[in-house]
Amino acid sequence: MGDLSLHQSIANTILANKTTLFLLANSVKLNFLAISQPIHFPTIEMQTNKKFIQTEFSFGDEQFSIKDWGNLKDVDKSLHEKKFLDILKKHSFETRLIPIPLKGRYTKGRKWAEIEFEACFQAWQEGKSLTLIAATLNRNPQDMIYKLLDRCKEQNLTFTQKGRSISSKNWTSKVKECAQELFEAGLPAWKIAAVFEVDFEHVEKELFVNRKGYGHEKKNPFSINTDHKQYVNELVLNHCDFKITRVLEAFAGEGRFTKILQDIDSVKEIFCIEEDHDTFLKLKSNIKNDQIKMFNNDNLELLSSNILGKFDLIDLDPFVTCHKQIEMVWQHLNDRAYLFVTFGGEYRRSFIKTNRQSIYHRYGFLDNRSDNSEYLEIIPNYFLGFVAKKALENGFIFEVQRAVRYANNCRFWLDVKKREYTKEWELKTIQTDTKGTFFKNLTIPRFKEIRKEIDDARKAGFSR
């Protein structure tokens, strides 16, 4: 790269002449110059702060772009925490290329630079995997998804992860063993995904679900909470006072709920949509039933079509968000139906200042003054207020059969009814204030308050 002090001297001279806009993100792990005249200039790395981004920026008339895994380079070993290098060496992965600094969980976040997000957005449009983008930018994929959702809404685009996942072929038993030890030592799952070139959602699910001693005893949100969610799914259906014949699972996953549904005598058709190809293959492997129609598609494509028809039950259980699905689902509900809906991973990260703006764009709720705990306490009411608003716009009302606040999401089981007159329900149920649409009188216990339900159910043999 040449002498660093010389580069800094040149940069200072250019700045003094006011011919350049100097954009230096001090806590951004990237440094670049945007120069008014086409000049190619090497990246300046602030070595004293050990900031790093995977790909060098180009300046002038060229744009920074995210390429492919083959373009990634090893970062300097001084950027890693030694304990993670020791674990890699223990499992004979010491020579593996590491494209990001291996730092523990809960490191301080950083602001996005415009050129950085434009590269992220361009890569998404080109169909590049979110894990690759994360490895290139040293960014948590969930944070990228928040930004991408906002941009897609601004440009009237449909956000999708279809075709942007990578295979789990690298997830061997040897890799998994090493990954579990890295995770236990505090390395985030998405960074493990970047190291081993495996889809980040696959890694997250594998590490949480299979974490030793973490499932039932420590309230793993991907295990014990999911068990309870399936328990309530079955409980609500067993107490249903109308006939359910057609069901749509818009985020079918690997088919846990599907197994419950296929055991209900009245159910004649089940439509399962799963966008991720690897997960879809597991769904097909787990479920063998002619009643069940499976689609490896983006659910928004099918929800916007006429091929699905109407259903007695629709389940929206996303990993991150189902904002757009909530807007589209009403045309597919019968006049009396169940709507099961999850306020997904966006709930747990919604209190972060930069994400509060994203929540506002999606659900109309804006609160920049409450502290984190206060925000998380009230956001479910505004999420359900948004659902109520959309229900009213389509001539529906609903009763909340159950609601639970889990560790990383909130789940609502709704009994939906078509009504010609909805004003009375509206006045009784929701309130519009300066922050958004608030759902009144919502009872939503924390999982720990009702955990005894699943403990007792497991003792009685529940194993869905």
Foldseek 3Di string as FASTA:
>chain_A
DPDLVVLVVVVVVCVVVVQWDFDQFPPQLFGDTAGPAQDFDWGRDPVVVLRHFFDIAGYHPDADAQDDPVSGAARDPVLEDVVLLVLCVVLPNNPFGQRAHFDFPPDDDGDDDPSLLVNVLVCVVVLAALLSSCSRRVDDSLVNVLVNVVVCVVVVHDDDCFSRFDAQVLVDPSLLVSLLVSVVVGGDQSSSCNRSVHGSVVSVLSNQQPNPPCAPPPQRCNHLVVLVVLVVVLVCVVPDPDAFAEEEEQACFLPPNVVSQVPDVRHQAYEYEHQDPVRQVNNVVVDDDPRYHYYNHNSVVVLVDDPRAAGQEYEADDQADCLVVLLRVPRRYDQKHKYKHKNHQCLLVCQPQVNVVSCCVRQVFHDPDDHSVVCSVFVVQSVVLSSQVSQVVVQKHWDFPAWEDENRMIITMITMHGDPDCVVVPVVFWDQDPRHIGGPPDDYYYCVVVSVVSVVVVVVPDDD
